[in-house]
N, C-alpha and C. Protein backbone atom coordinates (compact mmCIF):
# COMPACT_ATOMS: atom_id res chain seq x y z
N UNK A 1 201.00 81.70 73.25
CA UNK A 1 202.07 80.92 73.87
C UNK A 1 203.33 80.88 72.94
N UNK A 2 204.46 81.22 73.61
CA UNK A 2 205.72 81.22 72.77
C UNK A 2 206.10 79.76 72.41
N UNK A 3 206.77 79.72 71.28
CA UNK A 3 207.18 78.39 70.82
C UNK A 3 208.35 77.99 71.68
N UNK A 4 208.52 76.68 71.86
CA UNK A 4 209.63 76.16 72.65
C UNK A 4 210.87 76.34 71.88
N UNK A 5 212.00 76.34 72.67
CA UNK A 5 213.36 76.38 71.97
C UNK A 5 213.61 75.21 70.97
N UNK A 6 212.95 74.08 71.31
CA UNK A 6 213.15 72.90 70.50
C UNK A 6 212.59 73.07 69.05
N UNK A 7 211.78 74.16 68.85
CA UNK A 7 211.24 74.44 67.57
C UNK A 7 211.92 75.59 66.83
N UNK A 8 213.10 75.99 67.33
CA UNK A 8 213.83 77.08 66.69
C UNK A 8 214.23 76.66 65.24
N UNK A 9 214.59 75.43 65.07
CA UNK A 9 214.94 75.01 63.70
C UNK A 9 213.74 75.12 62.78
N UNK A 10 212.64 74.70 63.33
CA UNK A 10 211.38 74.77 62.56
C UNK A 10 211.03 76.26 62.25
N UNK A 11 211.28 77.11 63.15
CA UNK A 11 211.04 78.52 62.95
C UNK A 11 211.92 79.05 61.87
N UNK A 12 213.17 78.67 61.80
CA UNK A 12 214.11 79.06 60.73
C UNK A 12 213.66 78.60 59.43
N UNK A 13 213.11 77.43 59.32
CA UNK A 13 212.67 76.87 58.13
C UNK A 13 211.33 77.58 57.65
N UNK A 14 210.49 77.91 58.62
CA UNK A 14 209.17 78.48 58.27
C UNK A 14 209.17 80.01 58.09
N UNK A 15 210.28 80.59 58.56
CA UNK A 15 210.38 82.02 58.38
C UNK A 15 209.95 82.90 59.56
N UNK A 16 209.94 82.34 60.76
CA UNK A 16 209.57 83.05 61.98
C UNK A 16 210.78 83.83 62.47
N UNK A 17 211.01 84.95 61.90
CA UNK A 17 212.24 85.82 62.19
C UNK A 17 212.32 86.12 63.73
N UNK A 18 211.20 86.58 64.30
CA UNK A 18 211.22 86.96 65.66
C UNK A 18 211.54 85.88 66.59
N UNK A 19 211.04 84.68 66.41
CA UNK A 19 211.37 83.62 67.29
C UNK A 19 212.84 83.22 67.23
N UNK A 20 213.40 83.24 66.04
CA UNK A 20 214.77 82.98 65.83
C UNK A 20 215.59 84.12 66.53
N UNK A 21 215.28 85.35 66.30
CA UNK A 21 216.02 86.44 66.81
C UNK A 21 216.05 86.45 68.38
N UNK A 22 214.84 86.17 68.93
CA UNK A 22 214.80 86.18 70.40
C UNK A 22 215.64 85.04 71.02
N UNK A 23 215.58 83.89 70.39
CA UNK A 23 216.43 82.79 70.88
C UNK A 23 217.90 83.00 70.79
N UNK A 24 218.21 83.70 69.68
CA UNK A 24 219.66 84.02 69.54
C UNK A 24 220.11 85.08 70.62
N UNK A 25 219.21 85.99 70.99
CA UNK A 25 219.56 86.90 71.97
C UNK A 25 219.71 86.30 73.31
N UNK A 26 218.83 85.37 73.60
CA UNK A 26 218.92 84.61 74.86
C UNK A 26 220.16 83.66 74.95
N UNK A 27 220.45 83.04 73.79
CA UNK A 27 221.53 82.05 73.75
C UNK A 27 222.25 82.22 72.40
N UNK A 28 223.31 83.01 72.37
CA UNK A 28 223.99 83.16 71.02
C UNK A 28 224.58 81.91 70.44
N UNK A 29 224.67 80.84 71.34
CA UNK A 29 225.21 79.55 70.82
C UNK A 29 224.30 78.91 69.83
N UNK A 30 223.09 79.42 69.70
CA UNK A 30 222.15 78.85 68.75
C UNK A 30 222.71 78.99 67.31
N UNK A 31 223.60 79.94 67.08
CA UNK A 31 224.09 80.18 65.67
C UNK A 31 224.90 78.99 65.22
N UNK A 32 225.40 78.25 66.18
CA UNK A 32 226.38 77.07 65.83
C UNK A 32 225.85 75.74 66.30
N UNK A 33 224.67 75.72 66.91
CA UNK A 33 224.11 74.45 67.35
C UNK A 33 223.67 73.66 66.12
N UNK A 34 223.84 72.34 66.24
CA UNK A 34 223.38 71.38 65.15
C UNK A 34 222.26 70.57 65.66
N UNK A 35 221.31 70.26 64.66
CA UNK A 35 220.20 69.36 65.10
C UNK A 35 220.62 67.94 64.89
N UNK A 36 219.71 67.00 64.94
CA UNK A 36 219.99 65.59 64.80
C UNK A 36 220.56 65.19 63.45
N UNK A 37 220.33 66.08 62.49
CA UNK A 37 220.88 65.83 61.11
C UNK A 37 222.19 66.66 60.85
N UNK A 38 222.67 67.24 61.99
CA UNK A 38 223.82 68.05 61.88
C UNK A 38 223.66 69.33 61.11
N UNK A 39 222.45 69.79 61.11
CA UNK A 39 222.14 71.01 60.41
C UNK A 39 222.09 72.23 61.37
N UNK A 40 222.63 73.34 60.92
CA UNK A 40 222.45 74.58 61.56
C UNK A 40 221.15 75.22 61.32
N UNK A 41 220.88 76.34 62.09
CA UNK A 41 219.73 77.18 61.75
C UNK A 41 219.83 77.69 60.34
N UNK A 42 221.11 77.93 59.89
CA UNK A 42 221.28 78.50 58.58
C UNK A 42 220.85 77.54 57.44
N UNK A 43 221.13 76.22 57.71
CA UNK A 43 220.66 75.27 56.70
C UNK A 43 219.12 75.37 56.52
N UNK A 44 218.40 75.42 57.61
CA UNK A 44 216.97 75.58 57.52
C UNK A 44 216.53 76.81 56.98
N UNK A 45 217.05 77.91 57.30
CA UNK A 45 216.75 79.22 56.66
C UNK A 45 216.97 79.15 55.19
N UNK A 46 218.06 78.53 54.77
CA UNK A 46 218.43 78.43 53.38
C UNK A 46 217.44 77.55 52.57
N UNK A 47 217.18 76.49 53.05
CA UNK A 47 216.17 75.52 52.32
C UNK A 47 214.76 76.10 52.34
N UNK A 48 214.44 76.94 53.38
CA UNK A 48 213.15 77.54 53.44
C UNK A 48 213.09 78.76 52.61
N UNK A 49 214.26 79.31 52.25
CA UNK A 49 214.28 80.53 51.42
C UNK A 49 214.01 81.82 52.13
N UNK A 50 214.38 81.88 53.46
CA UNK A 50 214.11 82.98 54.25
C UNK A 50 215.37 83.96 54.38
N UNK A 51 215.44 84.93 53.53
CA UNK A 51 216.56 85.83 53.39
C UNK A 51 216.85 86.54 54.74
N UNK A 52 215.86 87.19 55.37
CA UNK A 52 216.21 87.93 56.56
C UNK A 52 216.85 87.02 57.68
N UNK A 53 216.32 85.86 57.88
CA UNK A 53 216.86 84.92 58.88
C UNK A 53 218.29 84.50 58.46
N UNK A 54 218.45 84.15 57.20
CA UNK A 54 219.81 83.74 56.73
C UNK A 54 220.77 84.84 57.01
N UNK A 55 220.44 86.10 56.68
CA UNK A 55 221.22 87.28 56.77
C UNK A 55 221.59 87.45 58.23
N UNK A 56 220.59 87.31 59.07
CA UNK A 56 220.88 87.51 60.58
C UNK A 56 221.84 86.48 61.06
N UNK A 57 221.67 85.25 60.69
CA UNK A 57 222.55 84.15 61.09
C UNK A 57 224.00 84.33 60.61
N UNK A 58 224.15 84.75 59.40
CA UNK A 58 225.50 84.98 58.88
C UNK A 58 226.17 86.11 59.55
N UNK A 59 225.36 87.20 59.82
CA UNK A 59 225.90 88.31 60.52
C UNK A 59 226.29 88.00 61.95
N UNK A 60 225.69 86.92 62.58
CA UNK A 60 226.00 86.42 63.87
C UNK A 60 227.18 85.42 63.84
N UNK A 61 227.72 85.11 62.57
CA UNK A 61 228.81 84.27 62.53
C UNK A 61 228.57 82.79 62.16
N UNK A 62 227.36 82.48 61.60
CA UNK A 62 227.01 81.10 61.20
C UNK A 62 228.08 80.62 60.12
N UNK A 63 228.46 79.42 60.21
CA UNK A 63 229.48 78.81 59.32
C UNK A 63 228.83 78.55 58.01
N UNK A 64 229.13 79.32 57.02
CA UNK A 64 228.47 79.35 55.69
C UNK A 64 228.77 77.96 54.93
N UNK A 65 229.85 77.27 55.24
CA UNK A 65 230.14 76.03 54.52
C UNK A 65 229.96 74.80 55.38
N UNK A 66 229.28 74.91 56.54
CA UNK A 66 229.04 73.72 57.36
C UNK A 66 228.17 72.76 56.57
N UNK A 67 228.65 71.49 56.63
CA UNK A 67 227.93 70.39 55.94
C UNK A 67 227.16 69.64 56.98
N UNK A 68 225.87 69.20 56.54
CA UNK A 68 225.13 68.34 57.38
C UNK A 68 225.54 66.88 57.24
N UNK A 69 224.67 65.91 57.83
CA UNK A 69 225.16 64.56 57.83
C UNK A 69 225.07 63.92 56.46
N UNK A 70 224.56 64.56 55.43
CA UNK A 70 224.53 64.07 54.10
C UNK A 70 225.47 64.88 53.19
N UNK A 71 226.30 65.70 53.86
CA UNK A 71 227.26 66.51 53.10
C UNK A 71 226.67 67.81 52.54
N UNK A 72 225.44 68.08 52.91
CA UNK A 72 224.76 69.33 52.30
C UNK A 72 225.14 70.58 52.99
N UNK A 73 225.65 71.55 52.26
CA UNK A 73 225.91 72.87 52.83
C UNK A 73 224.66 73.69 52.63
N UNK A 74 224.57 74.85 53.27
CA UNK A 74 223.50 75.74 53.08
C UNK A 74 223.30 76.09 51.58
N UNK A 75 224.42 76.25 50.88
CA UNK A 75 224.31 76.61 49.45
C UNK A 75 223.80 75.45 48.64
N UNK A 76 224.21 74.28 48.89
CA UNK A 76 223.65 73.11 48.28
C UNK A 76 222.13 72.98 48.43
N UNK A 77 221.68 73.14 49.67
CA UNK A 77 220.26 73.06 49.96
C UNK A 77 219.47 74.18 49.20
N UNK A 78 220.01 75.43 49.37
CA UNK A 78 219.33 76.57 48.70
C UNK A 78 219.26 76.39 47.22
N UNK A 79 220.37 75.93 46.55
CA UNK A 79 220.31 75.79 45.14
C UNK A 79 219.39 74.70 44.73
N UNK A 80 219.29 73.57 45.44
CA UNK A 80 218.34 72.51 45.12
C UNK A 80 216.95 72.92 45.30
N UNK A 81 216.66 73.79 46.31
CA UNK A 81 215.20 74.22 46.62
C UNK A 81 214.81 75.41 45.80
N UNK A 82 215.69 76.00 44.93
CA UNK A 82 215.29 77.01 44.13
C UNK A 82 215.25 78.41 44.83
N UNK A 83 216.05 78.58 45.84
CA UNK A 83 216.02 79.81 46.69
C UNK A 83 217.08 80.83 46.17
N UNK A 84 216.71 81.48 45.12
CA UNK A 84 217.67 82.29 44.38
C UNK A 84 218.29 83.40 45.18
N UNK A 85 217.50 84.10 45.90
CA UNK A 85 218.05 85.27 46.72
C UNK A 85 218.97 84.76 47.85
N UNK A 86 218.67 83.63 48.37
CA UNK A 86 219.48 83.06 49.42
C UNK A 86 220.86 82.61 48.89
N UNK A 87 220.69 82.05 47.68
CA UNK A 87 221.93 81.61 46.96
C UNK A 87 222.88 82.83 46.74
N UNK A 88 222.31 83.93 46.27
CA UNK A 88 223.14 85.17 46.16
C UNK A 88 223.76 85.55 47.45
N UNK A 89 223.01 85.51 48.50
CA UNK A 89 223.50 85.96 49.81
C UNK A 89 224.70 85.07 50.32
N UNK A 90 224.44 83.78 50.18
CA UNK A 90 225.47 82.80 50.56
C UNK A 90 226.80 82.99 49.83
N UNK A 91 226.68 83.26 48.56
CA UNK A 91 227.86 83.41 47.72
C UNK A 91 228.60 84.71 48.07
N UNK A 92 227.81 85.76 48.47
CA UNK A 92 228.47 87.01 48.93
C UNK A 92 229.23 86.74 50.19
N UNK A 93 228.79 85.78 51.02
CA UNK A 93 229.46 85.39 52.17
C UNK A 93 230.44 84.20 52.00
N UNK A 94 230.95 84.13 50.77
CA UNK A 94 232.04 83.14 50.44
C UNK A 94 231.72 81.76 50.57
N UNK A 95 230.47 81.40 50.29
CA UNK A 95 230.02 79.98 50.32
C UNK A 95 230.88 79.26 49.15
N UNK A 96 231.26 78.05 49.40
CA UNK A 96 231.96 77.26 48.33
C UNK A 96 231.05 76.88 47.27
N UNK A 97 231.21 77.48 46.14
CA UNK A 97 230.31 77.27 44.95
C UNK A 97 230.44 75.86 44.38
N UNK A 98 231.56 75.19 44.72
CA UNK A 98 231.82 73.81 44.17
C UNK A 98 231.77 72.71 45.31
N UNK A 99 231.15 73.03 46.42
CA UNK A 99 230.96 72.10 47.42
C UNK A 99 230.16 70.86 46.91
N UNK A 100 230.38 69.66 47.46
CA UNK A 100 229.58 68.50 47.03
C UNK A 100 229.10 67.77 48.25
N UNK A 101 227.88 67.13 48.11
CA UNK A 101 227.34 66.35 49.13
C UNK A 101 227.86 64.94 49.04
N UNK A 102 227.39 63.97 49.82
CA UNK A 102 227.93 62.63 49.84
C UNK A 102 227.84 62.00 48.50
N UNK A 103 226.79 62.07 47.71
CA UNK A 103 226.81 61.41 46.35
C UNK A 103 227.65 62.19 45.31
N UNK A 104 228.19 63.31 45.76
CA UNK A 104 229.10 64.09 44.86
C UNK A 104 228.32 65.11 44.08
N UNK A 105 227.16 65.48 44.51
CA UNK A 105 226.31 66.45 43.78
C UNK A 105 226.69 67.94 44.22
N UNK A 106 226.99 68.79 43.25
CA UNK A 106 227.31 70.09 43.55
C UNK A 106 226.00 71.03 43.41
N UNK A 107 226.16 72.27 43.93
CA UNK A 107 225.00 73.13 43.76
C UNK A 107 224.51 73.25 42.31
N UNK A 108 225.56 73.31 41.38
CA UNK A 108 225.19 73.43 39.87
C UNK A 108 224.45 72.19 39.41
N UNK A 109 224.89 71.02 39.84
CA UNK A 109 224.26 69.86 39.36
C UNK A 109 222.82 69.73 39.83
N UNK A 110 222.57 70.16 41.07
CA UNK A 110 221.25 70.02 41.67
C UNK A 110 220.35 71.14 40.97
N UNK A 111 220.89 72.36 40.85
CA UNK A 111 220.09 73.33 40.16
C UNK A 111 219.76 72.91 38.71
N UNK A 112 220.69 72.24 38.02
CA UNK A 112 220.46 71.74 36.68
C UNK A 112 219.26 70.68 36.69
N UNK A 113 219.30 69.81 37.67
CA UNK A 113 218.35 68.71 37.78
C UNK A 113 216.97 69.30 37.98
N UNK A 114 216.88 70.40 38.72
CA UNK A 114 215.55 70.93 39.16
C UNK A 114 215.07 71.97 38.14
N UNK A 115 215.93 72.33 37.18
CA UNK A 115 215.58 73.33 36.13
C UNK A 115 215.56 74.81 36.62
N UNK A 116 216.39 75.05 37.71
CA UNK A 116 216.45 76.48 38.17
C UNK A 116 217.47 77.22 37.30
N UNK A 117 217.02 77.82 36.19
CA UNK A 117 217.93 78.54 35.24
C UNK A 117 218.61 79.72 35.91
N UNK A 118 217.86 80.50 36.64
CA UNK A 118 218.48 81.73 37.22
C UNK A 118 219.58 81.36 38.25
N UNK A 119 219.28 80.28 39.02
CA UNK A 119 220.31 79.88 39.95
C UNK A 119 221.53 79.35 39.26
N UNK A 120 221.31 78.52 38.17
CA UNK A 120 222.34 77.97 37.36
C UNK A 120 223.28 79.03 36.81
N UNK A 121 222.68 80.16 36.34
CA UNK A 121 223.50 81.25 35.83
C UNK A 121 224.20 81.97 36.88
N UNK A 122 223.68 82.13 38.08
CA UNK A 122 224.35 82.76 39.17
C UNK A 122 225.55 81.97 39.62
N UNK A 123 225.33 80.65 39.68
CA UNK A 123 226.43 79.76 40.13
C UNK A 123 227.58 79.74 39.12
N UNK A 124 227.21 79.72 37.76
CA UNK A 124 228.25 79.77 36.79
C UNK A 124 229.09 81.07 36.82
N UNK A 125 228.36 82.19 37.11
CA UNK A 125 229.02 83.51 37.13
C UNK A 125 229.97 83.54 38.37
N UNK A 126 229.65 82.74 39.36
CA UNK A 126 230.41 82.75 40.64
C UNK A 126 231.55 81.77 40.57
N UNK A 127 231.75 81.10 39.33
CA UNK A 127 232.88 80.20 39.22
C UNK A 127 232.57 78.75 39.35
N UNK A 128 231.32 78.30 39.31
CA UNK A 128 231.00 76.91 39.44
C UNK A 128 231.67 76.17 38.26
N UNK A 129 232.17 74.94 38.64
CA UNK A 129 232.78 74.10 37.56
C UNK A 129 231.75 73.39 36.79
N UNK A 130 231.61 73.82 35.50
CA UNK A 130 230.54 73.33 34.67
C UNK A 130 230.71 71.78 34.37
N UNK A 131 231.95 71.38 34.48
CA UNK A 131 232.23 69.95 34.22
C UNK A 131 232.45 69.02 35.43
N UNK A 132 232.06 69.49 36.58
CA UNK A 132 232.19 68.76 37.82
C UNK A 132 231.39 67.52 37.67
N UNK A 133 231.89 66.43 38.14
CA UNK A 133 231.22 65.12 38.24
C UNK A 133 230.84 64.68 39.51
N UNK A 134 229.77 63.89 39.66
CA UNK A 134 229.35 63.27 40.83
C UNK A 134 230.06 61.90 41.03
N UNK A 135 229.72 61.11 41.97
CA UNK A 135 230.46 59.90 42.29
C UNK A 135 230.10 58.89 41.20
N UNK A 136 229.04 59.08 40.37
CA UNK A 136 228.73 58.22 39.23
C UNK A 136 229.21 58.67 37.93
N UNK A 137 230.02 59.77 38.04
CA UNK A 137 230.62 60.43 36.89
C UNK A 137 229.71 61.28 35.96
N UNK A 138 228.59 61.62 36.59
CA UNK A 138 227.59 62.50 35.81
C UNK A 138 227.91 63.96 36.02
N UNK A 139 227.69 64.67 35.02
CA UNK A 139 227.90 66.17 35.16
C UNK A 139 226.49 66.80 35.10
N UNK A 140 226.46 68.17 35.29
CA UNK A 140 225.18 68.85 35.12
C UNK A 140 224.53 68.63 33.75
N UNK A 141 225.41 68.50 32.77
CA UNK A 141 224.81 68.31 31.42
C UNK A 141 224.17 66.90 31.30
N UNK A 142 224.80 65.94 31.90
CA UNK A 142 224.15 64.59 31.95
C UNK A 142 222.76 64.70 32.54
N UNK A 143 222.63 65.41 33.71
CA UNK A 143 221.46 65.43 34.51
C UNK A 143 220.35 66.26 33.70
N UNK A 144 220.73 67.36 33.12
CA UNK A 144 219.80 68.22 32.48
C UNK A 144 219.25 67.54 31.19
N UNK A 145 220.27 66.96 30.47
CA UNK A 145 219.82 66.21 29.25
C UNK A 145 218.89 65.04 29.45
N UNK A 146 219.19 64.29 30.45
CA UNK A 146 218.38 63.16 30.77
C UNK A 146 216.97 63.51 31.21
N UNK A 147 216.87 64.68 31.84
CA UNK A 147 215.51 65.07 32.41
C UNK A 147 214.78 66.02 31.43
N UNK A 148 215.40 66.27 30.30
CA UNK A 148 214.64 67.16 29.32
C UNK A 148 214.56 68.64 29.81
N UNK A 149 215.55 69.07 30.55
CA UNK A 149 215.63 70.45 30.97
C UNK A 149 216.26 71.32 29.91
N UNK A 150 215.52 71.60 28.85
CA UNK A 150 216.12 72.16 27.60
C UNK A 150 216.77 73.50 27.94
N UNK A 151 216.08 74.42 28.67
CA UNK A 151 216.68 75.69 28.93
C UNK A 151 217.98 75.56 29.64
N UNK A 152 218.08 74.59 30.53
CA UNK A 152 219.38 74.40 31.26
C UNK A 152 220.41 73.85 30.33
N UNK A 153 220.05 72.90 29.42
CA UNK A 153 221.00 72.38 28.47
C UNK A 153 221.58 73.49 27.65
N UNK A 154 220.67 74.45 27.20
CA UNK A 154 221.20 75.49 26.35
C UNK A 154 222.14 76.42 27.13
N UNK A 155 221.88 76.70 28.35
CA UNK A 155 222.82 77.58 29.17
C UNK A 155 224.14 76.82 29.38
N UNK A 156 224.11 75.61 29.64
CA UNK A 156 225.33 74.78 29.88
C UNK A 156 226.16 74.74 28.59
N UNK A 157 225.44 74.51 27.50
CA UNK A 157 226.20 74.38 26.22
C UNK A 157 226.85 75.68 25.79
N UNK A 158 226.37 76.82 26.23
CA UNK A 158 226.87 78.14 25.94
C UNK A 158 227.96 78.57 26.82
N UNK A 159 228.26 77.69 27.85
CA UNK A 159 229.26 78.04 28.88
C UNK A 159 230.72 77.70 28.36
N UNK A 160 231.56 78.67 28.36
CA UNK A 160 232.97 78.45 27.86
C UNK A 160 233.59 77.21 28.70
N UNK A 161 234.26 76.36 27.90
CA UNK A 161 234.96 75.20 28.59
C UNK A 161 234.00 73.98 28.77
N UNK A 162 232.76 74.11 28.44
CA UNK A 162 231.97 72.91 28.59
C UNK A 162 232.39 71.73 27.79
N UNK A 163 232.42 70.55 28.45
CA UNK A 163 232.64 69.27 27.70
C UNK A 163 231.37 68.68 27.34
N UNK A 164 231.11 68.70 26.06
CA UNK A 164 229.76 68.27 25.58
C UNK A 164 229.51 66.77 25.51
N UNK A 165 230.73 66.04 25.62
CA UNK A 165 230.52 64.53 25.59
C UNK A 165 231.34 63.88 26.71
N UNK A 166 231.02 64.30 27.97
CA UNK A 166 231.76 63.68 29.09
C UNK A 166 231.10 62.23 29.28
N UNK A 167 231.86 61.35 29.88
CA UNK A 167 231.38 59.91 30.01
C UNK A 167 231.22 59.66 31.44
N UNK A 168 230.07 59.07 31.82
CA UNK A 168 229.79 58.73 33.18
C UNK A 168 230.34 57.32 33.56
N UNK A 169 230.01 56.86 34.69
CA UNK A 169 230.49 55.50 35.15
C UNK A 169 230.02 54.30 34.28
N UNK A 170 228.84 54.56 33.56
CA UNK A 170 228.31 53.51 32.61
C UNK A 170 228.73 53.70 31.25
N UNK A 171 229.64 54.72 31.01
CA UNK A 171 230.08 55.07 29.71
C UNK A 171 229.11 55.87 28.88
N UNK A 172 228.06 56.38 29.51
CA UNK A 172 227.11 57.20 28.74
C UNK A 172 227.52 58.75 28.69
N UNK A 173 227.28 59.26 27.59
CA UNK A 173 227.40 60.73 27.37
C UNK A 173 226.13 61.32 27.67
N UNK A 174 226.01 62.69 27.85
CA UNK A 174 224.67 63.32 27.93
C UNK A 174 223.79 63.05 26.68
N UNK A 175 224.34 62.75 25.50
CA UNK A 175 223.57 62.42 24.31
C UNK A 175 223.08 61.05 24.42
N UNK A 176 223.79 60.10 25.05
CA UNK A 176 223.16 58.73 25.31
C UNK A 176 221.91 58.93 26.10
N UNK A 177 221.99 59.69 27.22
CA UNK A 177 220.88 59.76 28.15
C UNK A 177 219.67 60.53 27.56
N UNK A 178 219.93 61.52 26.75
CA UNK A 178 218.89 62.33 25.98
C UNK A 178 218.17 61.36 24.99
N UNK A 179 218.94 60.55 24.32
CA UNK A 179 218.36 59.63 23.33
C UNK A 179 217.58 58.54 24.06
N UNK A 180 218.13 58.04 25.07
CA UNK A 180 217.41 56.91 25.88
C UNK A 180 216.06 57.42 26.40
N UNK A 181 216.06 58.71 26.82
CA UNK A 181 214.76 59.18 27.39
C UNK A 181 213.97 59.94 26.29
N UNK A 182 214.33 59.88 25.09
CA UNK A 182 213.64 60.49 23.91
C UNK A 182 213.47 62.00 24.18
N UNK A 183 214.53 62.60 24.65
CA UNK A 183 214.50 64.11 24.79
C UNK A 183 215.03 64.72 23.42
N UNK A 184 214.05 64.83 22.60
CA UNK A 184 214.41 65.10 21.22
C UNK A 184 215.05 66.55 21.02
N UNK A 185 214.49 67.48 21.67
CA UNK A 185 215.10 68.83 21.53
C UNK A 185 216.51 68.91 22.12
N UNK A 186 216.66 68.24 23.20
CA UNK A 186 217.95 68.30 23.87
C UNK A 186 219.01 67.48 23.04
N UNK A 187 218.63 66.21 22.52
CA UNK A 187 219.50 65.50 21.76
C UNK A 187 219.94 66.19 20.51
N UNK A 188 218.91 66.90 19.78
CA UNK A 188 219.21 67.57 18.59
C UNK A 188 220.16 68.76 18.88
N UNK A 189 219.99 69.47 19.95
CA UNK A 189 220.92 70.61 20.34
C UNK A 189 222.31 70.06 20.61
N UNK A 190 222.42 68.91 21.24
CA UNK A 190 223.76 68.30 21.51
C UNK A 190 224.39 68.02 20.23
N UNK A 191 223.73 67.44 19.33
CA UNK A 191 224.36 67.03 18.03
C UNK A 191 224.78 68.25 17.24
N UNK A 192 223.87 69.25 17.21
CA UNK A 192 224.29 70.50 16.53
C UNK A 192 225.51 71.14 17.10
N UNK A 193 225.66 70.95 18.46
CA UNK A 193 226.89 71.56 19.08
C UNK A 193 228.12 70.66 18.91
N UNK A 194 227.92 69.52 18.27
CA UNK A 194 229.13 68.71 18.07
C UNK A 194 229.19 67.39 18.88
N UNK A 195 228.24 67.02 19.66
CA UNK A 195 228.24 65.83 20.41
C UNK A 195 228.33 64.63 19.54
N UNK A 196 229.20 63.72 20.00
CA UNK A 196 229.46 62.51 19.15
C UNK A 196 228.38 61.43 19.15
N UNK A 197 227.96 61.01 17.98
CA UNK A 197 226.96 59.97 17.82
C UNK A 197 227.57 58.60 17.86
N UNK A 198 228.83 58.46 17.83
CA UNK A 198 229.47 57.11 17.70
C UNK A 198 230.20 56.56 18.89
N UNK A 199 230.10 57.35 20.09
CA UNK A 199 230.67 56.91 21.24
C UNK A 199 229.86 55.73 21.86
N UNK A 200 230.57 54.68 22.31
CA UNK A 200 229.90 53.47 22.81
C UNK A 200 230.01 53.56 24.32
N UNK A 201 228.85 53.16 24.93
CA UNK A 201 228.95 53.00 26.43
C UNK A 201 229.38 51.57 26.79
N UNK A 202 229.33 51.22 28.06
CA UNK A 202 229.91 50.00 28.51
C UNK A 202 229.07 48.79 28.06
N UNK A 203 227.91 49.04 27.55
CA UNK A 203 227.16 48.04 26.92
C UNK A 203 227.31 47.97 25.34
N UNK A 204 228.36 48.69 24.90
CA UNK A 204 228.60 48.81 23.56
C UNK A 204 227.48 49.46 22.66
N UNK A 205 226.68 50.31 23.31
CA UNK A 205 225.64 51.07 22.74
C UNK A 205 226.06 52.46 22.40
N UNK A 206 225.66 52.95 21.22
CA UNK A 206 225.92 54.35 20.77
C UNK A 206 224.58 55.09 21.15
N UNK A 207 224.61 56.43 21.16
CA UNK A 207 223.39 57.13 21.30
C UNK A 207 222.36 56.74 20.27
N UNK A 208 222.70 56.52 19.06
CA UNK A 208 221.80 56.08 17.97
C UNK A 208 221.12 54.77 18.43
N UNK A 209 221.85 53.87 18.99
CA UNK A 209 221.30 52.57 19.42
C UNK A 209 220.15 52.68 20.41
N UNK A 210 220.26 53.82 21.16
CA UNK A 210 219.30 54.00 22.22
C UNK A 210 218.06 54.92 21.84
N UNK A 211 218.18 55.47 20.67
CA UNK A 211 217.13 56.45 20.20
C UNK A 211 216.03 55.71 19.48
N UNK A 212 214.86 56.42 19.60
CA UNK A 212 213.71 55.96 18.81
C UNK A 212 213.97 56.18 17.28
N UNK A 213 213.18 55.54 16.44
CA UNK A 213 213.35 55.58 14.99
C UNK A 213 213.26 57.01 14.49
N UNK A 214 212.24 57.66 15.04
CA UNK A 214 212.05 59.10 14.63
C UNK A 214 213.23 60.02 15.00
N UNK A 215 213.74 59.77 16.26
CA UNK A 215 214.80 60.55 16.67
C UNK A 215 216.16 60.19 15.90
N UNK A 216 216.28 58.96 15.50
CA UNK A 216 217.47 58.52 14.73
C UNK A 216 217.53 59.37 13.42
N UNK A 217 216.38 59.51 12.77
CA UNK A 217 216.28 60.24 11.53
C UNK A 217 216.58 61.71 11.77
N UNK A 218 216.09 62.25 12.81
CA UNK A 218 216.30 63.60 13.15
C UNK A 218 217.76 63.90 13.38
N UNK A 219 218.41 63.05 14.11
CA UNK A 219 219.83 63.25 14.53
C UNK A 219 220.79 63.05 13.34
N UNK A 220 220.41 62.13 12.51
CA UNK A 220 221.27 61.87 11.30
C UNK A 220 221.18 63.10 10.35
N UNK A 221 220.06 63.68 10.25
CA UNK A 221 219.81 64.86 9.44
C UNK A 221 220.65 66.06 10.06
N UNK A 222 220.64 66.18 11.31
CA UNK A 222 221.40 67.22 11.98
C UNK A 222 222.91 67.02 11.79
N UNK A 223 223.31 65.75 11.90
CA UNK A 223 224.88 65.44 11.76
C UNK A 223 225.34 65.70 10.35
N UNK A 224 224.47 65.65 9.32
CA UNK A 224 224.81 65.81 7.98
C UNK A 224 224.81 67.25 7.54
N UNK A 225 224.23 68.15 8.37
CA UNK A 225 224.15 69.52 7.96
C UNK A 225 225.53 70.22 8.15
């Protein structure tokens, strides 16, 4: 028994190419129809990681930068979900690499949070703003450092123009967050790259104030080298 039209979004998410194709042939307006969350079929194909369906929809004229009710574009969803090939496809179709959702998270910030190194590198090569801030003032480096995503921290720190000591809404730098979460490798790398140990946040705390005793010794040794 054929799936009902009401499940076309589900088909795009699960990768049922034929069901999506047949419904598009019957009703071409499916390419621009939005579900209850204001998502297109392209959003669902992107988050599901289904390249053939995403390609079909783009060829049929799907709006590559359409935002859902949370501000999520297909690229934002694909980057967050780790769908590297779909990310490449969307960028080839001129997806906005610096789009932001309602909290102000960009594709780069979401890829950094999830630890998707390959996607991070693709986004940076496509012109993603490495210093973009969300509505709380956090950058991709804040997010990666606080979560202990060391490979991501290293890629970001090697990016030309990176601000290694940006301050978020609480006055915290990435080093503050790395110290607070005891991310020793990340904190050490930040200090070796020149991150400041003396910046105070809004609670008048420096990164050293937030660090464990073992990390304090480690960071002071790094800063003296």
